[in-house]
Structures are given as structure tokens and as C-alpha cells.
Amino acid sequence: MLRLISVSLAAIAMILSGCAQKLANYDYDPGFGFSEYQDYALQQSAKQSYQSLDGSRIEAAIQQNLNGRYNLVPGSEADFIVHYYVQAERKIDNSGVSFGFGFGVSSNVGVGVSTGPSAREKTEGQLVLEVVDRASDKLVWTAKATRTLKDSMNPTQRDYLVQDVVQEMLANFPPR
């Protein structure tokens, strides 16, 4: 009986770990030495032309996640600069319910009709963080993550979501 329970728990754990989704994607220069970094600066990327309340949330989340590992200093004194921006990404959503019916006759002839779900175009925001080495002015690390930030969310929910996304993104900085 104990063995059956152990096997069942192991199977459930494998199923749940198989459903785990990678929430952020990373890329970095494997030949770059990140160990010398001590000071950083924050800067909204020129790729985003406006500042929003969510931008302030992103900055606060970056600071909270890097606090204790690096010192926030003015840009001219920083070892690296963290650029951030939200990139709009258009996607086609064609999920939904379809309907179909058909009939056949005994002589292997059949007729069918179906309707597919209507396609909708939706725009999602993808948060991008880029680490630029200040001395060489080269991009050395980047992370991207997409989550649904709804207009109906209250400020507390938005803070939590942004904090969660940034934490996931910076979990691999510096790369090991």
C-alpha cells in the first residue's frame, strides 16, 4: 500500500512538473564576465517613447530584485545599465468553439459541414529587459516575458503581476 502511494505521488509530481511553463526567455553573451559588476543604472529604453504608471512599477520591481546584489547609481558611474521597455506584439487568436455536422449513406458517400471559430487579432505587451555594459556599450544580457496585464486590474494586482514578471526575468541574472 505504501509503495502504491509513493508511486502515485511520484506520478503526480511528474505530471505537474511537465505542466510547468517557462515564463521568461533569456539570452546572453557567454564569453562576457559578469563577476566584475557592482553598480547599475536604470533607464527606459529609447524603443519606448512614453512613460506609464506600469513603467514606474517596472522600475520599482527591478530595483527591488537587484537591491542587495548591486548598487543603484547615476548612469555615468554605473558598470551596467538596465534598459526596459514594453514591446507590443500582435497575435491572432482563433480559439473557440466550432460546430459541425454530417451524414453518410451506405455506399461510402458522406457530406459534412462545419464552421470554425472566428479569428480575432489581439495585442499583447512583452516586457523586455536589456543589460548593456557601460564600458563597451554592448548588449550582454536580455530577457523577455509576456503576461496578460488587464485594464480591469486594480493597482495592487498590477504591482503584484509586474513584480512577479520582473522577478522571473532577473532570476537568471547574472547568468550562471
Protein backbone atom coordinates (compact mmCIF):
# COMPACT_ATOMS: atom_id res chain seq x y z
CA MET A 1 0.00 0.00 0.00
CA LEU A 2 2.82 2.39 0.90
CA ARG A 3 4.50 1.61 -2.41
CA LEU A 4 1.29 2.43 -4.32
CA ILE A 5 1.04 5.79 -2.56
CA SER A 6 4.71 6.57 -3.31
CA VAL A 7 4.30 5.67 -6.98
CA SER A 8 1.11 7.76 -7.19
CA LEU A 9 2.79 10.81 -5.64
CA ALA A 10 5.76 10.46 -7.98
CA ALA A 11 3.44 10.26 -10.99
CA ILE A 12 1.54 13.35 -9.86
CA ALA A 13 4.81 15.25 -9.36
CA MET A 14 5.99 14.31 -12.88
CA ILE A 15 2.68 15.39 -14.38
CA LEU A 16 2.75 18.73 -12.56
CA SER A 17 6.38 19.40 -13.47
CA GLY A 18 5.58 18.61 -17.09
CA CYS A 19 2.91 21.31 -16.99
CA ALA A 20 5.33 23.90 -15.65
CA GLN A 21 5.79 26.70 -18.11
CA LYS A 22 8.89 28.75 -18.66
CA LEU A 23 7.67 32.29 -18.14
CA ALA A 24 10.72 34.23 -19.29
CA ASN A 25 13.26 33.75 -22.07
CA TYR A 26 16.90 34.74 -21.67
CA ASP A 27 19.86 35.32 -23.89
CA TYR A 28 23.36 36.48 -23.02
CA ASP A 29 26.92 36.70 -24.23
CA PRO A 30 28.55 33.52 -22.79
CA GLY A 31 32.04 34.98 -23.17
CA PHE A 32 31.31 38.06 -21.08
CA GLY A 33 32.46 38.24 -17.45
CA PHE A 34 29.61 39.45 -15.26
CA SER A 35 31.54 38.95 -12.00
CA GLU A 36 33.02 42.46 -12.00
CA TYR A 37 29.63 44.18 -11.86
CA GLN A 38 28.85 46.17 -8.71
CA ASP A 39 26.87 49.26 -9.76
CA TYR A 40 23.94 49.68 -12.12
CA ALA A 41 21.69 52.39 -13.51
CA LEU A 42 18.11 52.17 -14.74
CA GLN A 43 16.97 53.69 -17.98
CA GLN A 44 13.82 53.42 -20.02
CA SER A 45 14.84 52.31 -23.50
CA ALA A 46 14.54 54.71 -26.43
CA LYS A 47 12.46 51.92 -28.03
CA GLN A 48 9.55 53.05 -25.83
CA SER A 49 8.54 56.66 -26.25
CA TYR A 50 6.16 57.08 -23.29
CA GLN A 51 6.28 56.60 -19.55
CA SER A 52 3.32 54.92 -17.90
CA LEU A 53 2.35 54.00 -14.38
CA ASP A 54 3.40 50.47 -15.26
CA GLY A 55 6.84 51.84 -16.19
CA SER A 56 7.19 53.11 -12.62
CA ARG A 57 6.14 49.68 -11.38
CA ILE A 58 8.76 48.04 -13.62
CA GLU A 59 11.50 50.33 -12.27
CA ALA A 60 10.47 49.63 -8.67
CA ALA A 61 10.44 45.87 -9.31
CA ILE A 62 13.89 45.96 -10.94
CA GLN A 63 15.29 47.93 -8.02
CA GLN A 64 13.73 45.56 -5.50
CA ASN A 65 15.15 42.50 -7.29
CA LEU A 66 18.66 43.91 -7.75
CA ASN A 67 18.83 45.51 -4.29
CA GLY A 68 21.43 43.78 -2.15
CA ARG A 69 23.30 42.41 -5.16
CA TYR A 70 24.15 45.70 -6.89
CA ASN A 71 24.13 49.40 -6.06
CA LEU A 72 21.89 51.84 -7.93
CA VAL A 73 23.99 54.81 -9.08
CA PRO A 74 23.74 57.55 -11.72
CA GLY A 75 24.32 56.31 -15.28
CA SER A 76 27.78 57.83 -15.67
CA GLU A 77 29.05 55.87 -12.64
CA ALA A 78 27.38 52.52 -13.42
CA ASP A 79 29.11 49.31 -14.53
CA PHE A 80 25.96 48.32 -16.42
CA ILE A 81 22.68 49.88 -17.44
CA VAL A 82 19.35 48.08 -17.31
CA HIS A 83 17.13 49.22 -20.17
CA TYR A 84 13.46 48.25 -20.09
CA TYR A 85 10.55 48.64 -22.45
CA VAL A 86 7.23 47.10 -23.32
CA GLN A 87 7.05 45.80 -26.87
CA ALA A 88 3.64 45.42 -28.48
CA GLU A 89 3.12 42.07 -30.14
CA ARG A 90 0.14 41.28 -32.36
CA LYS A 91 -1.28 37.78 -32.25
CA ILE A 92 -4.15 36.03 -33.96
CA ASP A 93 -6.48 34.27 -31.53
CA ASN A 94 -8.64 31.70 -33.24
CA SER A 95 -9.57 29.59 -30.28
CA GLY A 96 -13.19 28.97 -29.56
CA VAL A 97 -16.00 26.59 -30.29
CA SER A 98 -16.66 25.15 -33.71
CA PHE A 99 -19.75 23.41 -34.90
CA GLY A 100 -20.08 20.66 -37.46
CA PHE A 101 -22.45 18.01 -38.66
CA GLY A 102 -22.55 15.43 -41.41
CA PHE A 103 -24.27 12.36 -42.66
CA GLY A 104 -23.36 9.39 -44.78
CA VAL A 105 -25.05 6.76 -46.84
CA SER A 106 -24.33 3.07 -47.11
CA SER A 107 -22.39 3.42 -50.38
CA ASN A 108 -19.42 5.08 -48.60
CA VAL A 109 -20.51 8.59 -49.55
CA GLY A 110 -20.80 11.30 -46.96
CA VAL A 111 -21.38 15.03 -46.67
CA GLY A 112 -20.23 17.29 -43.88
CA VAL A 113 -20.45 20.94 -42.97
CA SER A 114 -18.63 22.77 -40.22
CA THR A 115 -18.00 26.27 -39.01
CA GLY A 116 -14.72 27.28 -37.40
CA PRO A 117 -14.22 29.83 -34.67
CA SER A 118 -13.78 33.41 -35.78
CA ALA A 119 -10.25 34.79 -35.65
CA ARG A 120 -9.51 37.87 -33.58
CA GLU A 121 -6.38 39.95 -33.58
CA LYS A 122 -5.15 40.91 -30.14
CA THR A 123 -2.18 42.93 -28.98
CA GLU A 124 -0.08 41.68 -26.09
CA GLY A 125 2.69 43.54 -24.34
CA GLN A 126 6.02 41.84 -23.93
CA LEU A 127 8.34 43.20 -21.25
CA VAL A 128 11.97 43.34 -22.37
CA LEU A 129 14.93 43.92 -20.07
CA GLU A 130 18.34 44.56 -21.59
CA VAL A 131 21.64 44.82 -19.75
CA VAL A 132 24.18 46.99 -21.53
CA ASP A 133 27.81 47.06 -20.44
CA ARG A 134 28.60 50.74 -19.99
CA ALA A 135 32.31 50.49 -20.75
CA SER A 136 31.86 48.75 -24.12
CA ASP A 137 28.30 49.99 -24.82
CA LYS A 138 27.35 46.44 -25.83
CA LEU A 139 24.25 44.44 -25.04
CA VAL A 140 25.39 41.49 -22.88
CA TRP A 141 22.14 40.05 -21.45
CA THR A 142 18.44 40.22 -22.29
CA ALA A 143 15.20 38.72 -21.02
CA LYS A 144 11.67 38.76 -22.44
CA ALA A 145 8.40 37.80 -20.81
CA THR A 146 4.76 38.01 -21.83
CA ARG A 147 1.88 38.10 -19.37
CA THR A 148 -1.65 39.41 -19.55
CA LEU A 149 -1.99 42.80 -17.90
CA LYS A 150 -5.69 43.62 -18.00
CA ASP A 151 -7.23 47.06 -17.80
CA SER A 152 -9.62 45.73 -15.17
CA MET A 153 -6.79 45.03 -12.69
CA ASN A 154 -6.53 47.29 -9.68
CA PRO A 155 -3.14 48.86 -8.75
CA THR A 156 -2.33 46.17 -6.19
CA GLN A 157 -2.91 43.39 -8.72
CA ARG A 158 -0.82 45.23 -11.33
CA ASP A 159 2.02 45.72 -8.80
CA TYR A 160 1.97 42.02 -7.95
CA LEU A 161 1.97 40.92 -11.60
CA VAL A 162 4.81 43.27 -12.60
CA GLN A 163 6.85 42.22 -9.55
CA ASP A 164 6.31 38.54 -10.40
CA VAL A 165 7.34 39.01 -14.04
CA VAL A 166 10.47 41.01 -13.23
CA GLN A 167 11.49 38.52 -10.52
CA GLU A 168 11.19 35.65 -13.00
CA MET A 169 13.20 37.59 -15.60
CA LEU A 170 16.03 38.57 -13.23
CA ALA A 171 16.29 35.07 -11.73
CA ASN A 172 18.93 34.33 -14.37
CA PHE A 173 20.96 37.50 -13.94
CA PRO A 174 23.84 37.27 -13.82
CA PRO A 175 23.86 34.02 -15.79
CA ARG A 176 25.45 31.06 -14.05
